[in-house]
Every structure is written in structure tokens, then in C-alpha cells.
N, C-alpha and C. Protein backbone atom coordinates (compact mmCIF):
# COMPACT_ATOMS: atom_id res chain seq x y z
N MET A 1 110.57 35.01 28.66
CA MET A 1 110.79 33.66 27.95
C MET A 1 109.98 33.59 26.65
N VAL A 2 108.90 34.31 26.69
CA VAL A 2 108.08 34.33 25.44
C VAL A 2 108.80 34.99 24.21
N TYR A 3 109.73 35.85 24.52
CA TYR A 3 110.56 36.48 23.56
C TYR A 3 111.83 35.66 23.16
N VAL A 4 112.40 34.97 24.12
CA VAL A 4 113.60 34.21 23.91
C VAL A 4 113.43 33.06 22.99
N VAL A 5 112.34 32.26 23.23
CA VAL A 5 112.16 31.02 22.49
C VAL A 5 111.97 31.34 21.02
N PRO A 6 111.15 32.23 20.62
CA PRO A 6 111.03 32.61 19.09
C PRO A 6 112.22 33.15 18.46
N LEU A 7 112.97 34.06 19.42
CA LEU A 7 114.28 34.61 18.74
C LEU A 7 115.23 33.41 18.52
N LEU A 8 115.39 32.59 19.55
CA LEU A 8 116.36 31.46 19.32
C LEU A 8 115.83 30.53 18.05
N CYS A 9 114.54 30.36 18.04
CA CYS A 9 113.95 29.63 16.90
C CYS A 9 114.20 30.29 15.52
N PHE A 10 114.43 31.50 15.62
CA PHE A 10 114.77 32.23 14.38
C PHE A 10 116.29 32.27 14.12
N VAL A 11 117.01 32.52 15.11
CA VAL A 11 118.50 32.85 14.99
C VAL A 11 119.17 31.54 14.61
N ILE A 12 118.89 30.46 15.31
CA ILE A 12 119.68 29.25 15.11
C ILE A 12 119.48 28.67 13.62
N PRO A 13 118.20 28.63 13.15
CA PRO A 13 118.11 28.27 11.61
C PRO A 13 118.62 29.28 10.84
N LEU A 14 118.59 30.57 11.07
CA LEU A 14 119.33 31.64 10.32
C LEU A 14 120.68 31.31 10.11
N ILE A 15 121.47 31.04 11.15
CA ILE A 15 122.84 30.67 11.05
C ILE A 15 123.05 29.43 10.27
N ALA A 16 122.17 28.39 10.48
CA ALA A 16 122.33 27.16 9.75
C ALA A 16 122.03 27.40 8.25
N GLY A 17 121.07 28.25 7.91
CA GLY A 17 120.81 28.54 6.49
C GLY A 17 122.06 29.16 5.89
N VAL A 18 122.60 30.16 6.60
CA VAL A 18 123.82 30.88 5.96
C VAL A 18 125.00 29.90 5.77
N VAL A 19 125.30 29.04 6.76
CA VAL A 19 126.37 28.12 6.68
C VAL A 19 126.04 27.09 5.59
N LEU A 20 124.90 26.48 5.46
CA LEU A 20 124.57 25.47 4.45
C LEU A 20 124.66 26.06 2.97
N LEU A 21 124.08 27.18 2.96
CA LEU A 21 124.12 27.87 1.51
C LEU A 21 125.55 28.25 1.08
N ARG A 22 126.36 28.71 2.00
CA ARG A 22 127.73 29.11 1.71
C ARG A 22 128.49 27.87 1.33
N ALA A 23 128.12 26.74 1.86
CA ALA A 23 128.75 25.45 1.52
C ALA A 23 128.09 24.68 0.49
N HIS A 24 127.23 25.38 -0.25
CA HIS A 24 126.45 24.85 -1.39
C HIS A 24 125.65 23.53 -1.02
N ARG A 25 125.09 23.55 0.15
CA ARG A 25 124.28 22.43 0.64
C ARG A 25 122.84 22.92 0.69
N GLY A 26 122.27 23.55 -0.40
CA GLY A 26 120.89 24.01 -0.35
C GLY A 26 119.82 22.89 -0.11
N VAL A 27 120.11 21.68 -0.51
CA VAL A 27 119.16 20.52 -0.44
C VAL A 27 118.73 20.41 1.04
N PHE A 28 119.74 20.60 1.95
CA PHE A 28 119.53 20.29 3.36
C PHE A 28 118.63 21.40 3.85
N VAL A 29 118.76 22.65 3.44
CA VAL A 29 117.80 23.67 3.79
C VAL A 29 116.43 23.41 3.36
N ALA A 30 116.20 22.92 2.11
CA ALA A 30 114.88 22.47 1.62
C ALA A 30 114.32 21.38 2.52
N VAL A 31 115.06 20.37 2.77
CA VAL A 31 114.57 19.31 3.57
C VAL A 31 114.14 19.81 5.02
N LEU A 32 115.01 20.70 5.65
CA LEU A 32 114.68 21.27 6.92
C LEU A 32 113.40 22.12 6.91
N VAL A 33 113.21 22.85 5.87
CA VAL A 33 112.02 23.75 5.73
C VAL A 33 110.78 22.81 5.62
N LEU A 34 110.87 21.66 4.83
CA LEU A 34 109.78 20.79 4.71
C LEU A 34 109.49 20.06 5.96
N LEU A 35 110.47 19.78 6.66
CA LEU A 35 110.30 19.09 7.99
C LEU A 35 109.51 20.04 9.05
N LEU A 36 110.12 21.17 9.13
CA LEU A 36 109.45 22.16 9.97
C LEU A 36 108.08 22.48 9.47
N ALA A 37 107.73 22.56 8.22
CA ALA A 37 106.50 22.81 7.67
C ALA A 37 105.47 21.63 8.09
N ALA A 38 106.06 20.46 8.03
CA ALA A 38 105.21 19.21 8.43
C ALA A 38 104.99 19.28 9.85
N VAL A 39 105.91 19.67 10.71
CA VAL A 39 105.61 19.66 12.09
C VAL A 39 104.55 20.79 12.43
N MET A 40 104.69 21.92 11.65
CA MET A 40 103.77 22.97 11.88
C MET A 40 102.38 22.57 11.46
N VAL A 41 102.18 21.91 10.29
CA VAL A 41 100.91 21.52 9.93
C VAL A 41 100.36 20.49 10.89
N TRP A 42 101.16 19.53 11.30
CA TRP A 42 100.73 18.60 12.35
C TRP A 42 100.26 19.21 13.70
N ALA A 43 100.92 20.25 14.16
CA ALA A 43 100.66 20.91 15.36
C ALA A 43 99.34 21.72 15.14
N ILE A 44 99.03 22.28 14.03
CA ILE A 44 97.77 23.06 13.79
C ILE A 44 96.71 21.97 13.71
N TRP A 45 96.87 20.92 13.05
CA TRP A 45 95.86 19.82 13.07
C TRP A 45 95.54 19.32 14.24
N LYS A 46 96.52 19.04 15.12
CA LYS A 46 96.30 18.44 16.43
C LYS A 46 95.73 19.37 17.26
N GLY A 47 96.06 20.73 17.25
CA GLY A 47 95.58 21.88 18.07
C GLY A 47 94.03 21.93 17.88
N ARG A 48 93.64 21.79 16.51
CA ARG A 48 92.29 22.04 16.22
C ARG A 48 91.32 20.87 16.82
N GLN A 49 91.98 19.81 17.01
CA GLN A 49 91.23 18.60 17.74
C GLN A 49 91.05 18.90 19.27
N MET A 50 91.90 19.63 19.81
CA MET A 50 91.79 19.83 21.27
C MET A 50 90.91 21.13 21.61
N SER A 51 90.78 21.21 22.85
CA SER A 51 89.98 22.40 23.26
C SER A 51 90.65 22.93 24.48
N GLY A 52 90.44 24.24 24.72
CA GLY A 52 91.07 24.91 25.74
C GLY A 52 92.54 25.08 25.65
N TRP A 53 93.26 24.98 26.85
CA TRP A 53 94.67 25.19 26.94
C TRP A 53 95.52 24.21 26.19
N ASP A 54 95.05 23.07 25.89
CA ASP A 54 95.82 21.97 25.20
C ASP A 54 95.93 22.44 23.73
N GLY A 55 94.94 22.96 23.13
CA GLY A 55 94.96 23.47 21.72
C GLY A 55 95.96 24.68 21.64
N ILE A 56 95.86 25.49 22.68
CA ILE A 56 96.90 26.69 22.62
C ILE A 56 98.22 26.33 22.67
N GLY A 57 98.59 25.19 23.45
CA GLY A 57 100.02 24.62 23.46
C GLY A 57 100.37 24.26 21.99
N TYR A 58 99.61 23.62 21.27
CA TYR A 58 99.88 23.26 19.94
C TYR A 58 100.15 24.51 19.03
N ALA A 59 99.25 25.47 19.21
CA ALA A 59 99.33 26.64 18.37
C ALA A 59 100.62 27.46 18.76
N ILE A 60 100.94 27.37 20.06
CA ILE A 60 102.28 28.00 20.38
C ILE A 60 103.41 27.24 19.72
N LEU A 61 103.37 25.90 19.71
CA LEU A 61 104.47 25.26 18.99
C LEU A 61 104.49 25.58 17.49
N ALA A 62 103.38 25.72 16.83
CA ALA A 62 103.36 26.09 15.42
C ALA A 62 103.82 27.57 15.17
N MET A 63 103.31 28.50 15.91
CA MET A 63 103.44 29.88 15.56
C MET A 63 104.79 30.44 16.26
N LEU A 64 105.16 30.01 17.39
CA LEU A 64 106.27 30.58 18.05
C LEU A 64 107.58 29.76 17.99
N MET A 65 107.52 28.58 17.36
CA MET A 65 108.75 27.65 17.23
C MET A 65 108.95 27.35 15.75
N CYS A 66 107.85 26.86 15.10
CA CYS A 66 108.05 26.35 13.74
C CYS A 66 108.18 27.56 12.77
N ALA A 67 107.17 28.52 12.81
CA ALA A 67 107.13 29.59 11.92
C ALA A 67 108.42 30.42 11.90
N PRO A 68 109.01 30.79 13.14
CA PRO A 68 110.28 31.50 13.05
C PRO A 68 111.40 30.66 12.58
N GLY A 69 111.37 29.40 12.76
CA GLY A 69 112.39 28.51 12.29
C GLY A 69 112.39 28.47 10.75
N ILE A 70 111.21 28.29 10.15
CA ILE A 70 111.12 28.35 8.70
C ILE A 70 111.66 29.76 8.07
N LEU A 71 111.10 30.79 8.78
CA LEU A 71 111.56 32.09 8.32
C LEU A 71 113.06 32.36 8.48
N GLY A 72 113.66 31.85 9.63
CA GLY A 72 114.96 31.86 9.73
C GLY A 72 115.94 31.14 8.73
N LEU A 73 115.31 29.97 8.34
CA LEU A 73 116.07 29.10 7.34
C LEU A 73 115.98 29.97 6.01
N LEU A 74 114.79 30.46 5.76
CA LEU A 74 114.67 31.07 4.43
C LEU A 74 115.55 32.37 4.32
N VAL A 75 115.56 33.19 5.32
CA VAL A 75 116.28 34.33 5.30
C VAL A 75 117.81 34.00 5.44
N GLY A 76 118.21 32.99 6.12
CA GLY A 76 119.56 32.64 6.33
C GLY A 76 120.14 32.03 4.88
N SER A 77 119.20 31.29 4.30
CA SER A 77 119.65 30.77 2.99
C SER A 77 119.73 31.83 2.00
N ALA A 78 118.90 32.92 1.98
CA ALA A 78 119.04 33.98 1.09
C ALA A 78 120.19 34.76 1.29
N VAL A 79 120.66 34.94 2.56
CA VAL A 79 121.94 35.63 2.93
C VAL A 79 123.03 34.81 2.47
N GLY A 80 123.07 33.46 2.73
CA GLY A 80 124.17 32.55 2.32
C GLY A 80 124.32 32.50 0.85
N TRP A 81 123.25 32.54 0.20
CA TRP A 81 123.24 32.49 -1.33
C TRP A 81 123.89 33.68 -1.91
N TRP A 82 123.53 34.80 -1.31
CA TRP A 82 124.14 36.15 -1.70
C TRP A 82 125.55 36.13 -1.32
N GLN A 83 126.02 35.70 -0.29
CA GLN A 83 127.41 35.70 0.10
C GLN A 83 128.23 34.81 -0.81
N ALA A 84 127.67 33.57 -1.07
CA ALA A 84 128.34 32.65 -1.92
C ALA A 84 128.47 33.20 -3.28
N ARG A 85 127.39 33.95 -3.81
CA ARG A 85 127.38 34.42 -5.15
C ARG A 85 128.42 35.55 -5.21
N ARG A 86 128.50 36.36 -4.18
CA ARG A 86 129.51 37.53 -4.15
C ARG A 86 130.88 37.00 -4.21
N ARG A 87 131.09 35.96 -3.41
CA ARG A 87 132.43 35.41 -3.31
C ARG A 87 132.90 34.69 -4.49
N ASP A 88 131.96 33.97 -5.18
CA ASP A 88 132.31 33.21 -6.39
C ASP A 88 131.35 33.43 -7.47
N PRO A 89 131.55 34.54 -8.28
CA PRO A 89 130.56 34.95 -9.28
C PRO A 89 130.43 33.99 -10.45
N GLN A 90 131.30 33.10 -10.62
CA GLN A 90 131.26 32.22 -11.80
C GLN A 90 130.46 30.80 -11.46
N GLY A 91 130.28 30.51 -10.20
CA GLY A 91 129.58 29.23 -9.94
C GLY A 91 128.67 29.34 -8.82
């Protein structure tokens, strides 16, 4: 399960990034990246206030869910931008 959750948190935003950039909706990608970054910062901040296993739970949220999601969105948007650019070189 420890491998499935980060993989899904990477692959689903990867697909979303490709689809959104191919449809020329890059603003949504930026908003989603900012939202995930805000959740990640909140989880790290909250985890630093806790001790023991509670803090580890917040670190898991930040590093195994939010970070792969941000990376997936960025990689997916780069692939979608490249595909859209290759398909329509004028615009």
C-alpha cells in the first residue's frame, strides 16, 4: 500500500495535467499546484506541532501524497504542452 498511494497520487495528476494542457487550460494546473502546495505547507506546519506518530502522519500526507501530486501535475503539464505544441505549432 505504501507504493500504491504515491503512485496513484502521481499518475492521476499526471493524466489531469496532460488533459488540461492539451485543452489549453493551464490556469487550472497552476491553481491545482498552488492548492496542493498549500496543503503540503499546512501538513508540514501541523506535523511540526505534533509529536510522535501524529506528526509522522502529517509528514506522510505531505511527502507521499502532496509532493507526488505536484510532481505529477508539473510533468503532465509539460507533456501536455509539448503535445499541444507539436499538434498546433502556430498557437
